[in-house]
Amino acid sequence: MDMHNKFIDINGVEMVFHTKKGAFHALHDINLSVQKGEFITLIGHSGCGKSTLLNLIAGLLKPSEGLLLCANREIAGPSPERSVVFQNHSLLPWLTCYENIYLGVERVFGGAESRIQLRERTRAALALVGLTAAETKRPNEISGGMKQRVGIARALAMEPKVLLMDEPFGALDALTRAHLQDELLKIVAKTGSTVVMVTHDVDEAVLLSDRIVMMTNGPAATIGEILDVGLARPRERVALAQDAQYAGYRTAVLEFLYRKQAHPAKEAA
């Protein structure tokens, strides 16, 4: 890896949670460097610490040991430069869809752009996820999948340097999920955002990633293998369905998950 392009750097990270039942060692000896503009997915069985690692990069958790850097600065807390999309949409219920996105846009661009430009950014984000018609609705008036799309639109509208996504498409139907995956590929190509995304979906990981980081089972989960995905970009899902190289990557991830890390318990859906 080119040291000059190292954008996120995770060194010797340990994460121990202190609970009523005692100490729980979630992550052990995590070492990972991510280049600027790289798309990384974290994959593994439930309970392997994928979301914990994402929350550490977001600055929402502090490691028990080790160091996390972004652009050569220690990650000491949350920042708009590292925008997060959670499994749950985390929208403010008293604001409309439009207002939820505008709030994020104003926070990032309010000092430099006019209100007209901020409104354009907000409307473009709504259009991107197909929710222009729902801009005046509040979260309790729309479906769970629509709420999730608003959350994704808000994060993308802020044009973060690092986009952190925790199974952002998990609650969506297959067609909406495919559409947003394709749109995400286009946006990332345009903005050059660095993306770290947690997923359970092997096809999603292969379609989107430059590298797939495969985690061992918890407790004390660590990075088991890292798979370089050498598929040319732009990627087209229909063409890739017949691609032998794509099938090879898919098999490698399945092999790791279900042979090397066979989960003792039944996987949650």
Protein backbone atom coordinates (compact mmCIF):
# COMPACT_ATOMS: atom_id res chain seq x y z
CA MET A 1 0.00 0.00 0.00
CA ASP A 2 1.29 3.47 -0.89
CA MET A 3 1.99 5.21 2.45
CA HIS A 4 1.07 8.61 0.97
CA ASN A 5 -2.45 7.42 0.13
CA LYS A 6 -3.09 5.90 3.55
CA PHE A 7 -6.24 7.71 4.66
CA ILE A 8 -7.65 5.63 7.50
CA ASP A 9 -5.09 3.84 9.63
CA ILE A 10 -6.06 1.39 12.37
CA ASN A 11 -3.19 0.15 14.54
CA GLY A 12 -3.34 -2.56 17.21
CA VAL A 13 -6.94 -1.83 18.18
CA GLU A 14 -8.53 -3.77 21.04
CA MET A 15 -12.12 -3.25 22.22
CA VAL A 16 -13.28 -4.52 25.59
CA PHE A 17 -16.78 -3.68 26.84
CA HIS A 18 -17.37 -3.70 30.60
CA THR A 19 -20.83 -5.13 31.24
CA LYS A 20 -22.77 -6.30 34.29
CA LYS A 21 -21.72 -9.84 33.39
CA GLY A 22 -18.04 -8.80 33.30
CA ALA A 23 -15.60 -7.84 30.55
CA PHE A 24 -16.49 -8.71 26.95
CA HIS A 25 -13.54 -8.72 24.54
CA ALA A 26 -15.18 -7.69 21.23
CA LEU A 27 -12.19 -6.92 18.98
CA HIS A 28 -8.58 -8.12 19.15
CA ASP A 29 -5.49 -6.77 17.36
CA ILE A 30 -7.23 -4.97 14.49
CA ASN A 31 -4.76 -3.57 11.94
CA LEU A 32 -6.11 -2.07 8.72
CA SER A 33 -5.10 0.73 6.36
CA VAL A 34 -7.58 2.19 3.87
CA GLN A 35 -6.54 4.32 0.90
CA LYS A 36 -8.25 7.56 -0.09
CA GLY A 37 -11.16 6.76 -2.40
CA GLU A 38 -11.15 3.05 -1.56
CA PHE A 39 -14.38 1.09 -0.99
CA ILE A 40 -14.01 -1.43 1.83
CA THR A 41 -16.67 -3.83 3.08
CA LEU A 42 -16.55 -5.58 6.46
CA ILE A 43 -18.21 -8.99 6.40
CA GLY A 44 -18.58 -11.77 8.96
CA HIS A 45 -21.10 -13.65 11.06
CA SER A 46 -23.35 -11.91 13.60
CA GLY A 47 -21.44 -10.90 16.73
CA CYS A 48 -18.04 -10.62 15.01
CA GLY A 49 -17.65 -6.93 15.85
CA LYS A 50 -18.25 -5.39 12.39
CA SER A 51 -20.48 -2.62 13.75
CA THR A 52 -18.12 -2.05 16.69
CA LEU A 53 -15.23 -1.48 14.27
CA LEU A 54 -17.37 0.90 12.19
CA ASN A 55 -18.34 2.84 15.35
CA LEU A 56 -14.66 3.15 16.29
CA ILE A 57 -13.87 4.67 12.86
CA ALA A 58 -16.87 6.99 13.29
CA GLY A 59 -15.47 8.18 16.63
CA LEU A 60 -18.61 7.02 18.46
CA LEU A 61 -16.49 4.60 20.52
CA LYS A 62 -12.94 4.93 21.85
CA PRO A 63 -10.68 1.86 21.66
CA SER A 64 -9.52 0.10 24.82
CA GLU A 65 -6.05 -0.04 23.24
CA GLY A 66 -4.52 1.04 19.95
CA LEU A 67 -4.90 4.04 17.68
CA LEU A 68 -7.21 5.10 14.82
CA LEU A 69 -6.15 7.85 12.43
CA CYS A 70 -7.99 9.62 9.61
CA ALA A 71 -5.96 11.92 7.35
CA ASN A 72 -3.07 11.63 9.86
CA ARG A 73 -5.22 12.93 12.74
CA GLU A 74 -6.33 10.78 15.65
CA ILE A 75 -10.04 9.95 15.55
CA ALA A 76 -11.14 11.47 18.88
CA GLY A 77 -14.89 11.84 18.26
CA PRO A 78 -17.58 12.18 15.59
CA SER A 79 -17.09 14.57 12.64
CA PRO A 80 -19.13 15.57 9.55
CA GLU A 81 -16.08 14.44 7.54
CA ARG A 82 -17.05 10.89 8.60
CA SER A 83 -20.77 10.55 7.86
CA VAL A 84 -22.60 7.50 9.19
CA VAL A 85 -25.62 5.61 7.85
CA PHE A 86 -26.93 3.18 10.47
CA GLN A 87 -29.21 0.16 10.15
CA ASN A 88 -31.93 2.35 11.63
CA HIS A 89 -32.43 5.64 9.82
CA SER A 90 -31.88 7.88 12.94
CA LEU A 91 -34.10 10.68 11.56
CA LEU A 92 -35.52 13.46 13.75
CA PRO A 93 -39.25 12.61 14.00
CA TRP A 94 -40.47 16.23 14.24
CA LEU A 95 -38.80 17.26 10.96
CA THR A 96 -39.97 16.46 7.43
CA CYS A 97 -37.84 14.33 5.09
CA TYR A 98 -36.64 17.51 3.39
CA GLU A 99 -35.78 19.20 6.71
CA ASN A 100 -33.86 16.16 7.98
CA ILE A 101 -31.59 16.33 4.93
CA TYR A 102 -31.38 20.13 4.90
CA LEU A 103 -30.14 20.13 8.51
CA GLY A 104 -27.12 18.01 7.54
CA VAL A 105 -26.46 19.99 4.37
CA GLU A 106 -26.61 23.32 6.24
CA ARG A 107 -24.22 22.05 8.89
CA VAL A 108 -21.57 21.21 6.29
CA PHE A 109 -22.09 23.82 3.55
CA GLY A 110 -24.00 26.63 5.33
CA GLY A 111 -20.94 28.83 5.76
CA ALA A 112 -19.93 28.74 2.10
CA GLU A 113 -23.13 28.45 0.05
CA SER A 114 -26.36 30.38 -0.46
CA ARG A 115 -29.74 29.10 0.72
CA ILE A 116 -30.67 28.40 -2.91
CA GLN A 117 -27.60 26.16 -3.27
CA LEU A 118 -28.38 24.38 0.01
CA ARG A 119 -31.96 23.79 -1.15
CA GLU A 120 -30.69 22.43 -4.49
CA ARG A 121 -28.36 19.99 -2.70
CA THR A 122 -31.24 18.82 -0.49
CA ARG A 123 -33.66 18.33 -3.40
CA ALA A 124 -30.99 16.52 -5.46
CA ALA A 125 -30.43 14.09 -2.58
CA LEU A 126 -34.17 13.39 -2.27
CA ALA A 127 -34.45 12.84 -6.03
CA LEU A 128 -31.49 10.45 -5.94
CA VAL A 129 -33.30 8.07 -3.58
CA GLY A 130 -36.65 8.55 -5.36
CA LEU A 131 -38.38 10.46 -2.56
CA THR A 132 -39.13 13.85 -4.11
CA ALA A 133 -42.86 13.22 -3.57
CA ALA A 134 -42.29 12.56 0.15
CA GLU A 135 -40.31 15.71 0.96
CA THR A 136 -43.04 17.23 3.17
CA LYS A 137 -43.81 13.99 5.04
CA ARG A 138 -42.53 13.28 8.53
CA PRO A 139 -40.84 9.95 9.39
CA ASN A 140 -43.98 8.49 11.04
CA GLU A 141 -45.89 9.00 7.76
CA ILE A 142 -43.59 6.88 5.58
CA SER A 143 -42.47 3.22 5.50
CA GLY A 144 -39.33 1.84 7.16
CA GLY A 145 -37.63 1.41 3.80
CA MET A 146 -38.39 5.01 2.83
CA LYS A 147 -37.00 6.26 6.16
CA GLN A 148 -33.79 4.36 5.47
CA ARG A 149 -33.54 5.98 2.04
CA VAL A 150 -33.86 9.44 3.63
CA GLY A 151 -31.02 8.52 6.01
CA ILE A 152 -28.85 7.48 3.06
CA ALA A 153 -29.74 10.67 1.15
CA ARG A 154 -28.78 12.81 4.16
CA ALA A 155 -25.37 11.16 4.52
CA LEU A 156 -24.60 11.42 0.79
CA ALA A 157 -25.78 15.04 0.59
CA MET A 158 -23.07 16.01 3.10
CA GLU A 159 -20.38 14.77 0.66
CA PRO A 160 -18.28 13.31 3.48
CA LYS A 161 -14.63 12.43 3.02
CA VAL A 162 -15.45 9.08 4.63
CA LEU A 163 -18.85 7.42 4.29
CA LEU A 164 -19.49 4.81 6.99
CA MET A 165 -22.44 2.50 6.36
CA ASP A 166 -23.83 -0.16 8.71
CA GLU A 167 -25.96 -2.50 6.55
CA PRO A 168 -27.70 0.51 5.00
CA PHE A 169 -29.74 -1.52 2.52
CA GLY A 170 -30.71 -4.34 4.88
CA ALA A 171 -34.33 -3.26 5.38
CA LEU A 172 -35.03 -2.59 1.70
CA ASP A 173 -36.73 -4.75 -0.91
CA ALA A 174 -34.46 -6.33 -3.54
CA LEU A 175 -35.21 -3.85 -6.36
CA THR A 176 -34.75 -0.75 -4.18
CA ARG A 177 -31.59 -2.28 -2.76
CA ALA A 178 -30.18 -2.94 -6.24
CA HIS A 179 -31.06 0.60 -7.38
CA LEU A 180 -29.35 2.20 -4.38
CA GLN A 181 -26.27 -0.02 -4.74
CA ASP A 182 -25.95 1.09 -8.38
CA GLU A 183 -26.48 4.75 -7.42
CA LEU A 184 -23.93 4.43 -4.61
CA LEU A 185 -21.34 3.15 -7.11
CA LYS A 186 -21.97 6.21 -9.34
CA ILE A 187 -21.84 8.69 -6.44
CA VAL A 188 -18.63 7.26 -5.04
CA ALA A 189 -17.04 7.37 -8.51
CA LYS A 190 -18.04 11.05 -8.78
CA THR A 191 -17.20 12.26 -5.26
CA GLY A 192 -14.15 10.08 -4.61
CA SER A 193 -15.48 9.33 -1.11
CA THR A 194 -13.71 6.70 0.95
CA VAL A 195 -16.31 4.12 2.03
CA VAL A 196 -16.31 1.57 4.83
CA MET A 197 -19.48 -0.52 4.84
CA VAL A 198 -20.73 -3.35 7.04
CA THR A 199 -22.74 -5.99 5.17
CA HIS A 200 -24.02 -9.56 5.55
CA ASP A 201 -24.61 -9.81 1.81
CA VAL A 202 -21.85 -11.57 -0.15
CA ASP A 203 -23.04 -10.32 -3.56
CA GLU A 204 -23.26 -6.75 -2.27
CA ALA A 205 -19.70 -7.01 -0.94
CA VAL A 206 -18.27 -8.28 -4.26
CA LEU A 207 -20.25 -5.81 -6.40
CA LEU A 208 -19.23 -2.73 -4.43
CA SER A 209 -15.80 -3.37 -2.93
CA ASP A 210 -12.19 -2.76 -3.78
CA ARG A 211 -11.34 -4.99 -0.81
CA ILE A 212 -13.46 -7.26 1.39
CA VAL A 213 -12.31 -7.47 5.02
CA MET A 214 -13.45 -10.82 6.44
CA MET A 215 -13.78 -10.98 10.22
CA THR A 216 -13.36 -14.05 12.41
CA ASN A 217 -16.10 -15.04 14.86
CA GLY A 218 -16.30 -13.23 18.20
CA PRO A 219 -15.49 -12.89 21.00
CA ALA A 220 -12.05 -11.31 20.42
CA ALA A 221 -12.83 -11.11 16.71
CA THR A 222 -10.05 -10.05 14.39
CA ILE A 223 -9.39 -9.72 10.65
CA GLY A 224 -9.19 -13.23 9.20
CA GLU A 225 -8.56 -12.50 5.53
CA ILE A 226 -8.64 -9.54 3.16
CA LEU A 227 -9.78 -10.20 -0.41
CA ASP A 228 -8.71 -7.83 -3.20
CA VAL A 229 -11.56 -7.48 -5.72
CA GLY A 230 -9.93 -6.80 -9.09
CA LEU A 231 -13.12 -6.24 -11.12
CA ALA A 232 -12.88 -3.25 -13.49
CA ARG A 233 -15.03 -0.18 -12.81
CA PRO A 234 -17.65 0.92 -13.71
CA ARG A 235 -19.33 -2.35 -12.69
CA GLU A 236 -22.54 -3.56 -14.26
CA ARG A 237 -24.49 -6.10 -12.21
CA VAL A 238 -26.11 -7.94 -15.15
CA ALA A 239 -22.77 -8.46 -16.93
CA LEU A 240 -21.08 -9.52 -13.68
CA ALA A 241 -23.72 -12.22 -13.08
CA GLN A 242 -22.06 -14.23 -15.90
CA ASP A 243 -18.48 -13.24 -15.02
CA ALA A 244 -16.17 -16.09 -13.92
CA GLN A 245 -13.94 -13.70 -11.94
CA TYR A 246 -16.98 -12.39 -10.03
CA ALA A 247 -18.02 -15.99 -9.26
CA GLY A 248 -14.49 -16.72 -7.99
CA TYR A 249 -14.55 -13.81 -5.54
CA ARG A 250 -18.03 -14.79 -4.37
CA THR A 251 -16.88 -18.37 -3.74
CA ALA A 252 -13.81 -17.16 -1.80
CA VAL A 253 -16.01 -15.13 0.60
CA LEU A 254 -18.51 -18.00 1.03
CA GLU A 255 -15.61 -20.40 1.67
CA PHE A 256 -14.31 -18.15 4.45
CA LEU A 257 -17.71 -17.60 6.06
CA TYR A 258 -19.14 -21.11 5.89
CA ARG A 259 -16.08 -23.39 5.93
CA LYS A 260 -13.30 -21.52 7.74
CA GLN A 261 -15.63 -19.61 10.11
CA ALA A 262 -18.62 -21.94 10.30
CA HIS A 263 -20.87 -20.33 12.86
CA PRO A 264 -21.83 -22.55 15.81
CA ALA A 265 -25.25 -20.90 16.15
CA LYS A 266 -27.87 -20.48 13.43
CA GLU A 267 -27.33 -17.21 11.56
CA ALA A 268 -29.83 -14.45 12.21
CA ALA A 269 -31.73 -13.43 9.07
